[in-house]
Protein backbone atom coordinates (compact mmCIF):
# COMPACT_ATOMS: atom_id res chain seq x y z
CA UNK A 1 -12.56 -22.63 -119.88
CA UNK A 2 -8.96 -23.81 -119.76
CA UNK A 3 -8.43 -27.01 -117.80
CA UNK A 4 -4.99 -28.39 -117.04
CA UNK A 5 -4.61 -32.03 -116.07
CA UNK A 6 -1.38 -32.99 -114.37
CA UNK A 7 -0.08 -35.91 -112.35
CA UNK A 8 2.93 -38.14 -112.09
CA UNK A 9 3.63 -41.32 -113.98
CA UNK A 10 1.18 -44.13 -113.30
CA UNK A 11 -1.49 -41.98 -111.69
CA UNK A 12 -3.97 -42.37 -114.56
CA UNK A 13 -3.86 -38.83 -115.92
CA UNK A 14 -4.18 -39.95 -119.53
CA UNK A 15 -7.26 -42.00 -118.70
CA UNK A 16 -8.78 -39.06 -116.80
CA UNK A 17 -8.11 -36.80 -119.80
CA UNK A 18 -9.73 -39.32 -122.14
CA UNK A 19 -12.82 -39.36 -119.94
CA UNK A 20 -12.84 -35.55 -119.93
CA UNK A 21 -12.57 -35.38 -123.73
CA UNK A 22 -15.65 -37.62 -123.94
CA UNK A 23 -17.55 -35.44 -121.45
CA UNK A 24 -16.48 -32.15 -123.10
CA UNK A 25 -16.45 -32.93 -126.84
CA UNK A 26 -16.34 -29.28 -127.95
CA UNK A 27 -13.06 -28.64 -126.12
CA UNK A 28 -9.71 -28.67 -127.94
CA UNK A 29 -7.07 -31.02 -126.57
CA UNK A 30 -3.41 -30.10 -126.10
CA UNK A 31 -1.59 -33.38 -125.41
CA UNK A 32 1.93 -32.61 -124.19
CA UNK A 33 3.20 -36.18 -124.66
CA UNK A 34 1.80 -36.39 -128.21
CA UNK A 35 3.55 -33.12 -129.10
CA UNK A 36 6.82 -34.49 -127.68
CA UNK A 37 6.45 -37.63 -129.81
CA UNK A 38 5.82 -35.49 -132.90
CA UNK A 39 8.96 -33.50 -132.16
CA UNK A 40 11.00 -36.70 -131.93
CA UNK A 41 9.78 -37.52 -135.45
CA UNK A 42 10.76 -34.13 -136.88
CA UNK A 43 13.98 -34.46 -138.92
CA UNK A 44 15.39 -31.09 -137.88
CA UNK A 45 14.82 -31.91 -134.20
CA UNK A 46 16.29 -35.40 -134.70
CA UNK A 47 19.43 -33.91 -136.22
CA UNK A 48 19.81 -31.60 -133.23
CA UNK A 49 19.21 -34.47 -130.79
CA UNK A 50 21.87 -36.55 -132.51
CA UNK A 51 24.24 -33.62 -132.21
CA UNK A 52 23.55 -33.35 -128.49
CA UNK A 53 23.20 -36.98 -127.45
CA UNK A 54 24.50 -39.11 -130.31
CA UNK A 55 20.98 -40.48 -130.84
CA UNK A 56 17.47 -39.32 -131.59
CA UNK A 57 15.81 -42.31 -129.88
CA UNK A 58 13.52 -41.03 -127.12
CA UNK A 59 14.11 -43.98 -124.80
CA UNK A 60 17.90 -43.70 -125.11
CA UNK A 61 17.77 -39.95 -124.49
CA UNK A 62 15.51 -40.50 -121.47
CA UNK A 63 18.10 -42.81 -119.93
CA UNK A 64 20.79 -40.17 -120.47
CA UNK A 65 18.88 -37.19 -119.12
CA UNK A 66 17.46 -38.93 -116.04
CA UNK A 67 21.03 -39.67 -114.93
CA UNK A 68 22.62 -36.34 -115.88
CA UNK A 69 21.13 -32.96 -114.88
CA UNK A 70 23.31 -31.13 -117.44
CA UNK A 71 22.00 -33.39 -120.21
CA UNK A 72 18.46 -32.63 -119.02
CA UNK A 73 19.21 -28.90 -119.30
CA UNK A 74 20.45 -29.43 -122.86
CA UNK A 75 17.32 -31.34 -123.80
CA UNK A 76 15.09 -28.69 -122.27
CA UNK A 77 16.96 -25.87 -124.02
CA UNK A 78 16.15 -27.57 -127.32
CA UNK A 79 12.63 -28.80 -126.64
CA UNK A 80 11.13 -26.11 -124.39
CA UNK A 81 10.93 -23.39 -127.07
CA UNK A 82 9.28 -25.87 -129.44
CA UNK A 83 6.77 -26.93 -126.77
CA UNK A 84 6.03 -23.28 -125.97
CA UNK A 85 5.37 -22.60 -129.64
CA UNK A 86 2.94 -25.54 -129.81
CA UNK A 87 1.14 -24.52 -126.61
CA UNK A 88 0.77 -20.94 -127.89
CA UNK A 89 -1.28 -22.22 -130.81
CA UNK A 90 -4.06 -23.07 -128.34
CA UNK A 91 -4.36 -19.61 -126.78
CA UNK A 92 -7.01 -18.53 -129.30
CA UNK A 93 -9.43 -21.32 -128.35
CA UNK A 94 -11.92 -20.51 -125.57
CA UNK A 95 -12.15 -24.09 -124.26
CA UNK A 96 -9.03 -26.22 -123.97
CA UNK A 97 -8.06 -29.36 -122.10
CA UNK A 98 -4.32 -29.29 -121.48
CA UNK A 99 -2.78 -32.69 -120.74
CA UNK A 100 0.55 -31.65 -119.21
CA UNK A 101 2.20 -34.15 -116.84
CA UNK A 102 4.98 -31.71 -115.95
CA UNK A 103 2.81 -28.58 -115.70
CA UNK A 104 4.31 -27.37 -112.43
CA UNK A 105 7.82 -28.42 -113.39
CA UNK A 106 7.54 -26.19 -116.46
CA UNK A 107 6.15 -23.35 -114.38
CA UNK A 108 5.07 -20.41 -116.48
CA UNK A 109 7.45 -21.22 -119.36
CA UNK A 110 4.69 -22.84 -121.41
CA UNK A 111 2.53 -19.74 -121.15
CA UNK A 112 -0.54 -21.78 -120.27
CA UNK A 113 -3.00 -19.89 -118.10
CA UNK A 114 -5.42 -22.29 -116.45
CA UNK A 115 -8.88 -21.64 -115.07
CA UNK A 116 -8.47 -24.86 -113.09
CA UNK A 117 -5.64 -27.32 -112.51
CA UNK A 118 -6.77 -30.88 -111.86
CA UNK A 119 -4.21 -33.25 -110.38
CA UNK A 120 -4.77 -36.97 -110.93
CA UNK A 121 -3.20 -38.79 -108.02
CA UNK A 122 -2.65 -42.38 -106.89
CA UNK A 123 -0.78 -44.00 -104.06
CA UNK A 124 2.79 -45.07 -104.81
CA UNK A 125 2.00 -48.79 -104.85
CA UNK A 126 -0.71 -48.23 -107.47
CA UNK A 127 1.60 -45.99 -109.52
CA UNK A 128 4.41 -48.53 -109.58
CA UNK A 129 2.06 -51.42 -110.29
CA UNK A 130 0.48 -49.61 -113.25
CA UNK A 131 3.80 -48.61 -114.79
CA UNK A 132 5.28 -52.10 -114.33
CA UNK A 133 2.28 -53.76 -115.97
CA UNK A 134 2.08 -51.18 -118.78
CA UNK A 135 5.78 -50.76 -119.59
CA UNK A 136 7.45 -53.75 -117.96
CA UNK A 137 10.09 -51.49 -116.43
CA UNK A 138 12.03 -52.52 -113.35
CA UNK A 139 11.36 -50.70 -110.09
CA UNK A 140 14.72 -48.86 -110.33
CA UNK A 141 13.71 -47.18 -113.59
CA UNK A 142 10.29 -46.25 -112.24
CA UNK A 143 11.84 -44.84 -109.06
CA UNK A 144 14.29 -42.76 -111.10
CA UNK A 145 11.48 -41.29 -113.19
CA UNK A 146 9.36 -40.53 -110.12
CA UNK A 147 12.33 -38.92 -108.37
CA UNK A 148 12.77 -36.56 -111.34
CA UNK A 149 9.17 -35.38 -111.10
CA UNK A 150 7.79 -32.92 -108.59
CA UNK A 151 6.55 -34.99 -105.63
CA UNK A 152 2.91 -35.95 -106.04
CA UNK A 153 1.91 -34.30 -102.75
CA UNK A 154 3.37 -30.99 -104.02
CA UNK A 155 1.35 -31.25 -107.24
CA UNK A 156 -1.75 -31.86 -105.12
CA UNK A 157 -1.01 -28.78 -102.97
CA UNK A 158 -0.58 -26.59 -106.05
CA UNK A 159 -3.71 -27.87 -107.84
CA UNK A 160 -7.28 -26.66 -107.58
CA UNK A 161 -8.78 -30.16 -107.58
CA UNK A 162 -7.37 -33.58 -106.72
CA UNK A 163 -8.77 -36.61 -108.51
CA UNK A 164 -7.87 -39.71 -106.51
CA UNK A 165 -7.39 -42.71 -108.75
CA UNK A 166 -6.67 -45.82 -106.71
CA UNK A 167 -9.83 -47.67 -107.72
CA UNK A 168 -11.68 -48.88 -110.78
CA UNK A 169 -12.32 -47.17 -114.09
CA UNK A 170 -15.90 -46.51 -112.96
CA UNK A 171 -14.56 -44.83 -109.81
CA UNK A 172 -12.35 -42.62 -111.97
CA UNK A 173 -15.20 -41.75 -114.34
CA UNK A 174 -17.30 -40.64 -111.39
CA UNK A 175 -14.42 -38.66 -109.83
CA UNK A 176 -13.67 -36.87 -113.11
CA UNK A 177 -17.33 -35.93 -113.64
CA UNK A 178 -17.57 -34.63 -110.07
CA UNK A 179 -14.37 -32.62 -110.54
CA UNK A 180 -15.64 -31.06 -113.75
CA UNK A 181 -18.85 -30.08 -111.99
CA UNK A 182 -16.79 -28.62 -109.12
CA UNK A 183 -14.78 -26.36 -111.46
CA UNK A 184 -17.85 -25.35 -113.50
CA UNK A 185 -16.92 -27.11 -116.74
CA UNK A 186 -19.90 -29.48 -116.64
């Protein structure tokens, strides 16, 4: 079974995925954010990033692309083919957990075919509070990131299952287990 977890910043998707990995230990994990970090450490990619943006620092590039749609297109033209190549390596495994925050934003470009898409969702206050406490970012930065993501309600509409995560870790553990039962993975 191929499970895709998606959700916007601060919704708790990474925690939900971690719970799922514990519940489904035989599944392979494709972690989109980890692959991105690996790419930022690849010298060839870094050289190309410097050519495009004058830097290979992820945080500096993020500031550039969130303000400039053309810069975002340039970043995607470089990174998307590399991400697609990485995602394709998982097509031979029968059971995969895909952790892809921007699953719907990427559309079919990644080539990931899901048996179920699970959207981890939280109210905006909870999202902002989590990101502020985790990253220390000002509200303006958080708002800019959220505004560049598909609205959470749209991700919910497009998903097979919604995992609400406004409560405790125990609440999330229960919700994830119930969701996995619902989709037939547990």
